[in-house]
Full PDB file with SEQRES, HELIX, SHEET, SSBOND, CRYST1, ORIGX, SCALE, CONECT and MASTER records, all heavy atoms in Angstrom:
SEQRES   1 A   30  SER GLY ALA MET GLY TRP PHE ARG GLN ALA PRO GLY LYS          
SEQRES   2 A   30  GLU ARG GLU PHE VAL ALA ALA ILE ASN PHE SER GLY SER          
SEQRES   3 A   30  TYR THR SER TYR                                              
SHEET    1 AA1 3 MET A   4  ARG A   8  0                                        
SHEET    2 AA1 3 GLU A  16  ILE A  21 -1                                        
SHEET    3 AA1 3 THR A  28  SER A  29 -1                                        
CRYST1    1.000    1.000    1.000  90.00  90.00  90.00 P 1           1          
ORIGX1      1.000000  0.000000  0.000000        0.00000                         
ORIGX2      0.000000  1.000000  0.000000        0.00000                         
ORIGX3      0.000000  0.000000  1.000000        0.00000                         
SCALE1      1.000000  0.000000  0.000000        0.00000                         
SCALE2      0.000000  1.000000  0.000000        0.00000                         
SCALE3      0.000000  0.000000  1.000000        0.00000                         
ATOM      1  N   SER A   1     -17.195   1.562   9.221  1.00  0.00           N  
ATOM      2  CA  SER A   1     -17.832   0.539   8.398  1.00  0.00           C  
ATOM      3  C   SER A   1     -16.836  -0.076   7.425  1.00  0.00           C  
ATOM      4  O   SER A   1     -17.069  -1.170   6.917  1.00  0.00           O  
ATOM      5  CB  SER A   1     -19.027   1.113   7.658  1.00  0.00           C  
ATOM      6  OG  SER A   1     -18.604   2.030   6.659  1.00  0.00           O  
ATOM      7  N   GLY A   2     -15.733   0.643   7.146  1.00  0.00           N  
ATOM      8  CA  GLY A   2     -14.712   0.017   6.327  1.00  0.00           C  
ATOM      9  C   GLY A   2     -14.204   0.864   5.187  1.00  0.00           C  
ATOM     10  O   GLY A   2     -13.737   1.981   5.400  1.00  0.00           O  
ATOM     11  N   ALA A   3     -14.323   0.346   3.970  1.00  0.00           N  
ATOM     12  CA  ALA A   3     -13.746   1.016   2.816  1.00  0.00           C  
ATOM     13  C   ALA A   3     -14.454   2.331   2.503  1.00  0.00           C  
ATOM     14  O   ALA A   3     -15.639   2.506   2.783  1.00  0.00           O  
ATOM     15  CB  ALA A   3     -13.817   0.098   1.598  1.00  0.00           C  
ATOM     16  N   MET A   4     -13.674   3.254   1.935  1.00  0.00           N  
ATOM     17  CA  MET A   4     -14.195   4.554   1.543  1.00  0.00           C  
ATOM     18  C   MET A   4     -13.728   4.850   0.127  1.00  0.00           C  
ATOM     19  O   MET A   4     -12.738   4.282  -0.348  1.00  0.00           O  
ATOM     20  CB  MET A   4     -13.668   5.640   2.482  1.00  0.00           C  
ATOM     21  CG  MET A   4     -13.981   5.435   3.945  1.00  0.00           C  
ATOM     22  SD  MET A   4     -15.680   5.828   4.362  1.00  0.00           S  
ATOM     23  CE  MET A   4     -15.671   7.600   4.127  1.00  0.00           C  
ATOM     24  N   GLY A   5     -14.418   5.782  -0.524  1.00  0.00           N  
ATOM     25  CA  GLY A   5     -14.025   6.085  -1.892  1.00  0.00           C  
ATOM     26  C   GLY A   5     -14.399   7.489  -2.323  1.00  0.00           C  
ATOM     27  O   GLY A   5     -15.112   8.200  -1.610  1.00  0.00           O  
ATOM     28  N   TRP A   6     -13.876   7.855  -3.486  1.00  0.00           N  
ATOM     29  CA  TRP A   6     -14.211   9.114  -4.133  1.00  0.00           C  
ATOM     30  C   TRP A   6     -14.772   8.833  -5.523  1.00  0.00           C  
ATOM     31  O   TRP A   6     -14.227   7.995  -6.251  1.00  0.00           O  
ATOM     32  CB  TRP A   6     -12.971  10.005  -4.277  1.00  0.00           C  
ATOM     33  CG  TRP A   6     -12.463  10.587  -3.003  1.00  0.00           C  
ATOM     34  CD1 TRP A   6     -11.463  10.095  -2.207  1.00  0.00           C  
ATOM     35  CD2 TRP A   6     -12.921  11.784  -2.366  1.00  0.00           C  
ATOM     36  NE1 TRP A   6     -11.274  10.909  -1.118  1.00  0.00           N  
ATOM     37  CE2 TRP A   6     -12.156  11.955  -1.186  1.00  0.00           C  
ATOM     38  CE3 TRP A   6     -13.897  12.733  -2.670  1.00  0.00           C  
ATOM     39  CZ2 TRP A   6     -12.342  13.031  -0.328  1.00  0.00           C  
ATOM     40  CZ3 TRP A   6     -14.081  13.808  -1.818  1.00  0.00           C  
ATOM     41  CH2 TRP A   6     -13.306  13.948  -0.656  1.00  0.00           C  
ATOM     42  N   PHE A   7     -15.827   9.537  -5.858  1.00  0.00           N  
ATOM     43  CA  PHE A   7     -16.418   9.502  -7.191  1.00  0.00           C  
ATOM     44  C   PHE A   7     -16.492  10.937  -7.699  1.00  0.00           C  
ATOM     45  O   PHE A   7     -16.336  11.892  -6.937  1.00  0.00           O  
ATOM     46  CB  PHE A   7     -17.826   8.899  -7.140  1.00  0.00           C  
ATOM     47  CG  PHE A   7     -17.847   7.415  -6.932  1.00  0.00           C  
ATOM     48  CD1 PHE A   7     -17.528   6.857  -5.706  1.00  0.00           C  
ATOM     49  CD2 PHE A   7     -18.196   6.550  -7.965  1.00  0.00           C  
ATOM     50  CE1 PHE A   7     -17.537   5.483  -5.506  1.00  0.00           C  
ATOM     51  CE2 PHE A   7     -18.226   5.182  -7.779  1.00  0.00           C  
ATOM     52  CZ  PHE A   7     -17.892   4.651  -6.550  1.00  0.00           C  
ATOM     53  N   ARG A   8     -16.768  11.089  -8.991  1.00  0.00           N  
ATOM     54  CA  ARG A   8     -16.951  12.429  -9.544  1.00  0.00           C  
ATOM     55  C   ARG A   8     -18.003  12.390 -10.638  1.00  0.00           C  
ATOM     56  O   ARG A   8     -18.230  11.356 -11.269  1.00  0.00           O  
ATOM     57  CB  ARG A   8     -15.641  12.997 -10.090  1.00  0.00           C  
ATOM     58  CG  ARG A   8     -15.060  12.262 -11.287  1.00  0.00           C  
ATOM     59  CD  ARG A   8     -13.678  12.817 -11.642  1.00  0.00           C  
ATOM     60  NE  ARG A   8     -13.091  12.137 -12.782  1.00  0.00           N  
ATOM     61  CZ  ARG A   8     -11.852  12.342 -13.220  1.00  0.00           C  
ATOM     62  NH1 ARG A   8     -11.050  13.219 -12.591  1.00  0.00           N  
ATOM     63  NH2 ARG A   8     -11.394  11.682 -14.265  1.00  0.00           N  
ATOM     64  N   GLN A   9     -18.627  13.539 -10.834  1.00  0.00           N  
ATOM     65  CA  GLN A   9     -19.651  13.644 -11.867  1.00  0.00           C  
ATOM     66  C   GLN A   9     -19.507  14.969 -12.586  1.00  0.00           C  
ATOM     67  O   GLN A   9     -19.651  16.042 -11.970  1.00  0.00           O  
ATOM     68  CB  GLN A   9     -21.052  13.516 -11.263  1.00  0.00           C  
ATOM     69  CG  GLN A   9     -22.155  13.448 -12.296  1.00  0.00           C  
ATOM     70  CD  GLN A   9     -23.479  13.016 -11.692  1.00  0.00           C  
ATOM     71  OE1 GLN A   9     -23.670  13.043 -10.477  1.00  0.00           O  
ATOM     72  NE2 GLN A   9     -24.397  12.588 -12.548  1.00  0.00           N  
ATOM     73  N   ALA A  10     -19.211  14.898 -13.864  1.00  0.00           N  
ATOM     74  CA  ALA A  10     -19.116  16.085 -14.703  1.00  0.00           C  
ATOM     75  C   ALA A  10     -20.490  16.374 -15.307  1.00  0.00           C  
ATOM     76  O   ALA A  10     -21.331  15.464 -15.415  1.00  0.00           O  
ATOM     77  CB  ALA A  10     -18.091  15.858 -15.805  1.00  0.00           C  
ATOM     78  N   PRO A  11     -20.748  17.608 -15.718  1.00  0.00           N  
ATOM     79  CA  PRO A  11     -22.051  17.949 -16.296  1.00  0.00           C  
ATOM     80  C   PRO A  11     -22.402  17.059 -17.476  1.00  0.00           C  
ATOM     81  O   PRO A  11     -21.587  16.861 -18.388  1.00  0.00           O  
ATOM     82  CB  PRO A  11     -21.862  19.404 -16.744  1.00  0.00           C  
ATOM     83  CG  PRO A  11     -20.814  19.937 -15.839  1.00  0.00           C  
ATOM     84  CD  PRO A  11     -19.882  18.790 -15.596  1.00  0.00           C  
ATOM     85  N   GLY A  12     -23.611  16.504 -17.445  1.00  0.00           N  
ATOM     86  CA  GLY A  12     -24.077  15.672 -18.540  1.00  0.00           C  
ATOM     87  C   GLY A  12     -23.504  14.272 -18.574  1.00  0.00           C  
ATOM     88  O   GLY A  12     -23.752  13.523 -19.524  1.00  0.00           O  
ATOM     89  N   LYS A  13     -22.730  13.904 -17.547  1.00  0.00           N  
ATOM     90  CA  LYS A  13     -22.112  12.580 -17.522  1.00  0.00           C  
ATOM     91  C   LYS A  13     -22.541  11.796 -16.295  1.00  0.00           C  
ATOM     92  O   LYS A  13     -23.037  12.361 -15.315  1.00  0.00           O  
ATOM     93  CB  LYS A  13     -20.584  12.716 -17.556  1.00  0.00           C  
ATOM     94  CG  LYS A  13     -20.045  13.310 -18.848  1.00  0.00           C  
ATOM     95  CD  LYS A  13     -18.526  13.242 -18.886  1.00  0.00           C  
ATOM     96  CE  LYS A  13     -17.982  13.756 -20.210  1.00  0.00           C  
ATOM     97  NZ  LYS A  13     -16.496  13.666 -20.269  1.00  0.00           N  
ATOM     98  N   GLU A  14     -22.324  10.494 -16.368  1.00  0.00           N  
ATOM     99  CA  GLU A  14     -22.625   9.630 -15.233  1.00  0.00           C  
ATOM    100  C   GLU A  14     -21.584   9.832 -14.124  1.00  0.00           C  
ATOM    101  O   GLU A  14     -20.439  10.208 -14.382  1.00  0.00           O  
ATOM    102  CB  GLU A  14     -22.606   8.165 -15.675  1.00  0.00           C  
ATOM    103  CG  GLU A  14     -23.698   7.788 -16.652  1.00  0.00           C  
ATOM    104  CD  GLU A  14     -25.063   7.749 -15.984  1.00  0.00           C  
ATOM    105  OE1 GLU A  14     -25.130   7.261 -14.835  1.00  0.00           O  
ATOM    106  OE2 GLU A  14     -26.034   8.211 -16.605  1.00  0.00           O  
ATOM    107  N   ARG A  15     -21.996   9.541 -12.891  1.00  0.00           N  
ATOM    108  CA  ARG A  15     -21.048   9.572 -11.783  1.00  0.00           C  
ATOM    109  C   ARG A  15     -20.066   8.418 -11.969  1.00  0.00           C  
ATOM    110  O   ARG A  15     -20.465   7.284 -12.193  1.00  0.00           O  
ATOM    111  CB  ARG A  15     -21.778   9.457 -10.454  1.00  0.00           C  
ATOM    112  CG  ARG A  15     -20.903   9.721  -9.250  1.00  0.00           C  
ATOM    113  CD  ARG A  15     -21.724   9.772  -7.973  1.00  0.00           C  
ATOM    114  NE  ARG A  15     -22.714  10.852  -8.016  1.00  0.00           N  
ATOM    115  CZ  ARG A  15     -23.460  11.216  -6.975  1.00  0.00           C  
ATOM    116  NH1 ARG A  15     -23.289  10.606  -5.798  1.00  0.00           N  
ATOM    117  NH2 ARG A  15     -24.335  12.175  -7.091  1.00  0.00           N  
ATOM    118  N   GLU A  16     -18.777   8.723 -11.859  1.00  0.00           N  
ATOM    119  CA  GLU A  16     -17.764   7.704 -12.121  1.00  0.00           C  
ATOM    120  C   GLU A  16     -16.829   7.528 -10.931  1.00  0.00           C  
ATOM    121  O   GLU A  16     -16.574   8.472 -10.164  1.00  0.00           O  
ATOM    122  CB  GLU A  16     -16.948   8.054 -13.368  1.00  0.00           C  
ATOM    123  CG  GLU A  16     -16.112   9.321 -13.245  1.00  0.00           C  
ATOM    124  CD  GLU A  16     -15.171   9.524 -14.422  1.00  0.00           C  
ATOM    125  OE1 GLU A  16     -15.084   8.650 -15.300  1.00  0.00           O  
ATOM    126  OE2 GLU A  16     -14.490  10.572 -14.440  1.00  0.00           O  
ATOM    127  N   PHE A  17     -16.305   6.330 -10.824  1.00  0.00           N  
ATOM    128  CA  PHE A  17     -15.346   5.997  -9.778  1.00  0.00           C  
ATOM    129  C   PHE A  17     -14.028   6.724 -10.016  1.00  0.00           C  
ATOM    130  O   PHE A  17     -13.552   6.830 -11.144  1.00  0.00           O  
ATOM    131  CB  PHE A  17     -15.113   4.481  -9.779  1.00  0.00           C  
ATOM    132  CG  PHE A  17     -13.965   4.034  -8.924  1.00  0.00           C  
ATOM    133  CD1 PHE A  17     -14.108   3.958  -7.552  1.00  0.00           C  
ATOM    134  CD2 PHE A  17     -12.749   3.695  -9.495  1.00  0.00           C  
ATOM    135  CE1 PHE A  17     -13.048   3.547  -6.758  1.00  0.00           C  
ATOM    136  CE2 PHE A  17     -11.689   3.274  -8.721  1.00  0.00           C  
ATOM    137  CZ  PHE A  17     -11.839   3.200  -7.342  1.00  0.00           C  
ATOM    138  N   VAL A  18     -13.429   7.214  -8.916  1.00  0.00           N  
ATOM    139  CA  VAL A  18     -12.130   7.863  -8.993  1.00  0.00           C  
ATOM    140  C   VAL A  18     -11.083   7.064  -8.211  1.00  0.00           C  
ATOM    141  O   VAL A  18     -10.048   6.701  -8.743  1.00  0.00           O  
ATOM    142  CB  VAL A  18     -12.186   9.307  -8.453  1.00  0.00           C  
ATOM    143  CG1 VAL A  18     -10.785   9.931  -8.436  1.00  0.00           C  
ATOM    144  CG2 VAL A  18     -13.144  10.161  -9.271  1.00  0.00           C  
ATOM    145  N   ALA A  19     -11.356   6.814  -6.923  1.00  0.00           N  
ATOM    146  CA  ALA A  19     -10.376   6.129  -6.085  1.00  0.00           C  
ATOM    147  C   ALA A  19     -11.073   5.526  -4.876  1.00  0.00           C  
ATOM    148  O   ALA A  19     -12.159   5.980  -4.484  1.00  0.00           O  
ATOM    149  CB  ALA A  19      -9.289   7.104  -5.621  1.00  0.00           C  
ATOM    150  N   ALA A  20     -10.452   4.508  -4.294  1.00  0.00           N  
ATOM    151  CA  ALA A  20     -10.996   3.890  -3.097  1.00  0.00           C  
ATOM    152  C   ALA A  20      -9.861   3.367  -2.228  1.00  0.00           C  
ATOM    153  O   ALA A  20      -8.752   3.118  -2.722  1.00  0.00           O  
ATOM    154  CB  ALA A  20     -11.959   2.759  -3.453  1.00  0.00           C  
ATOM    155  N   ILE A  21     -10.173   3.189  -0.940  1.00  0.00           N  
ATOM    156  CA  ILE A  21      -9.166   2.740   0.014  1.00  0.00           C  
ATOM    157  C   ILE A  21      -9.833   1.806   1.024  1.00  0.00           C  
ATOM    158  O   ILE A  21     -10.979   2.043   1.421  1.00  0.00           O  
ATOM    159  CB  ILE A  21      -8.524   3.964   0.707  1.00  0.00           C  
ATOM    160  CG1 ILE A  21      -7.346   3.554   1.585  1.00  0.00           C  
ATOM    161  CG2 ILE A  21      -9.555   4.766   1.501  1.00  0.00           C  
ATOM    162  CD1 ILE A  21      -6.501   4.755   2.043  1.00  0.00           C  
ATOM    163  N   ASN A  22      -9.118   0.750   1.418  1.00  0.00           N  
ATOM    164  CA  ASN A  22      -9.706  -0.157   2.395  1.00  0.00           C  
ATOM    165  C   ASN A  22      -9.562   0.428   3.797  1.00  0.00           C  
ATOM    166  O   ASN A  22      -8.975   1.490   3.993  1.00  0.00           O  
ATOM    167  CB  ASN A  22      -9.102  -1.560   2.289  1.00  0.00           C  
ATOM    168  CG  ASN A  22      -7.615  -1.606   2.644  1.00  0.00           C  
ATOM    169  OD1 ASN A  22      -6.988  -0.590   2.902  1.00  0.00           O  
ATOM    170  ND2 ASN A  22      -7.063  -2.806   2.647  1.00  0.00           N  
ATOM    171  N   PHE A  23     -10.109  -0.277   4.788  1.00  0.00           N  
ATOM    172  CA  PHE A  23     -10.169   0.287   6.126  1.00  0.00           C  
ATOM    173  C   PHE A  23      -8.786   0.575   6.708  1.00  0.00           C  
ATOM    174  O   PHE A  23      -8.559   1.619   7.322  1.00  0.00           O  
ATOM    175  CB  PHE A  23     -10.931  -0.649   7.077  1.00  0.00           C  
ATOM    176  CG  PHE A  23     -10.977  -0.141   8.480  1.00  0.00           C  
ATOM    177  CD1 PHE A  23     -11.809   0.907   8.817  1.00  0.00           C  
ATOM    178  CD2 PHE A  23     -10.170  -0.696   9.468  1.00  0.00           C  
ATOM    179  CE1 PHE A  23     -11.859   1.404  10.109  1.00  0.00           C  
ATOM    180  CE2 PHE A  23     -10.210  -0.217  10.762  1.00  0.00           C  
ATOM    181  CZ  PHE A  23     -11.056   0.844  11.085  1.00  0.00           C  
ATOM    182  N   SER A  24      -7.867  -0.352   6.524  1.00  0.00           N  
ATOM    183  CA  SER A  24      -6.536  -0.176   7.109  1.00  0.00           C  
ATOM    184  C   SER A  24      -5.677   0.815   6.339  1.00  0.00           C  
ATOM    185  O   SER A  24      -4.644   1.266   6.832  1.00  0.00           O  
ATOM    186  CB  SER A  24      -5.819  -1.523   7.183  1.00  0.00           C  
ATOM    187  OG  SER A  24      -5.520  -1.985   5.882  1.00  0.00           O  
ATOM    188  N   GLY A  25      -6.082   1.120   5.102  1.00  0.00           N  
ATOM    189  CA  GLY A  25      -5.262   1.978   4.258  1.00  0.00           C  
ATOM    190  C   GLY A  25      -4.186   1.238   3.508  1.00  0.00           C  
ATOM    191  O   GLY A  25      -3.365   1.855   2.825  1.00  0.00           O  
ATOM    192  N   SER A  26      -4.204  -0.088   3.603  1.00  0.00           N  
ATOM    193  CA  SER A  26      -3.140  -0.882   2.997  1.00  0.00           C  
ATOM    194  C   SER A  26      -3.358  -1.148   1.515  1.00  0.00           C  
ATOM    195  O   SER A  26      -2.433  -1.585   0.824  1.00  0.00           O  
ATOM    196  CB  SER A  26      -3.022  -2.236   3.720  1.00  0.00           C  
ATOM    197  OG  SER A  26      -4.228  -2.972   3.576  1.00  0.00           O  
ATOM    198  N   TYR A  27      -4.580  -0.897   1.038  1.00  0.00           N  
ATOM    199  CA  TYR A  27      -4.875  -1.164  -0.373  1.00  0.00           C  
ATOM    200  C   TYR A  27      -5.667  -0.009  -0.950  1.00  0.00           C  
ATOM    201  O   TYR A  27      -6.657   0.426  -0.375  1.00  0.00           O  
ATOM    202  CB  TYR A  27      -5.666  -2.465  -0.515  1.00  0.00           C  
ATOM    203  CG  TYR A  27      -5.753  -2.971  -1.930  1.00  0.00           C  
ATOM    204  CD1 TYR A  27      -4.889  -3.960  -2.394  1.00  0.00           C  
ATOM    205  CD2 TYR A  27      -6.710  -2.469  -2.813  1.00  0.00           C  
ATOM    206  CE1 TYR A  27      -4.961  -4.426  -3.693  1.00  0.00           C  
ATOM    207  CE2 TYR A  27      -6.785  -2.926  -4.114  1.00  0.00           C  
ATOM    208  CZ  TYR A  27      -5.908  -3.903  -4.551  1.00  0.00           C  
ATOM    209  OH  TYR A  27      -5.984  -4.358  -5.835  1.00  0.00           O  
ATOM    210  N   THR A  28      -5.218   0.483  -2.097  1.00  0.00           N  
ATOM    211  CA  THR A  28      -5.917   1.556  -2.789  1.00  0.00           C  
ATOM    212  C   THR A  28      -6.168   1.162  -4.232  1.00  0.00           C  
ATOM    213  O   THR A  28      -5.472   0.314  -4.791  1.00  0.00           O  
ATOM    214  CB  THR A  28      -5.115   2.864  -2.764  1.00  0.00           C  
ATOM    215  OG1 THR A  28      -3.825   2.636  -3.355  1.00  0.00           O  
ATOM    216  CG2 THR A  28      -4.935   3.385  -1.342  1.00  0.00           C  
ATOM    217  N   SER A  29      -7.179   1.773  -4.814  1.00  0.00           N  
ATOM    218  CA  SER A  29      -7.537   1.499  -6.197  1.00  0.00           C  
ATOM    219  C   SER A  29      -7.872   2.821  -6.872  1.00  0.00           C  
ATOM    220  O   SER A  29      -8.449   3.714  -6.244  1.00  0.00           O  
ATOM    221  CB  SER A  29      -8.735   0.550  -6.249  1.00  0.00           C  
ATOM    222  OG  SER A  29      -9.076   0.239  -7.585  1.00  0.00           O  
ATOM    223  N   TYR A  30      -7.486   2.950  -8.156  1.00  0.00           N  
ATOM    224  CA  TYR A  30      -7.704   4.193  -8.898  1.00  0.00           C  
ATOM    225  C   TYR A  30      -8.232   3.897 -10.293  1.00  0.00           C  
ATOM    226  O   TYR A  30      -7.883   2.880 -10.892  1.00  0.00           O  
ATOM    227  CB  TYR A  30      -6.394   4.974  -9.052  1.00  0.00           C  
ATOM    228  CG  TYR A  30      -5.767   5.392  -7.752  1.00  0.00           C  
ATOM    229  CD1 TYR A  30      -4.830   4.573  -7.117  1.00  0.00           C  
ATOM    230  CD2 TYR A  30      -6.093   6.601  -7.156  1.00  0.00           C  
ATOM    231  CE1 TYR A  30      -4.252   4.948  -5.913  1.00  0.00           C  
ATOM    232  CE2 TYR A  30      -5.518   6.988  -5.953  1.00  0.00           C  
ATOM    233  CZ  TYR A  30      -4.603   6.156  -5.339  1.00  0.00           C  
ATOM    234  OH  TYR A  30      -4.023   6.537  -4.153  1.00  0.00           O  
TER     235      TYR A  30                                                      
MASTER        0    0    0    0    3    0    0    6  234    1    0    3          
END                                                                             
């Protein structure tokens, strides 16, 4: 389907963005 990502959630906090990558792997975001 394409892009994938990682999120994290600490106790008592909102789920937050950590990193993402596009389908080809040519672009990442942190």
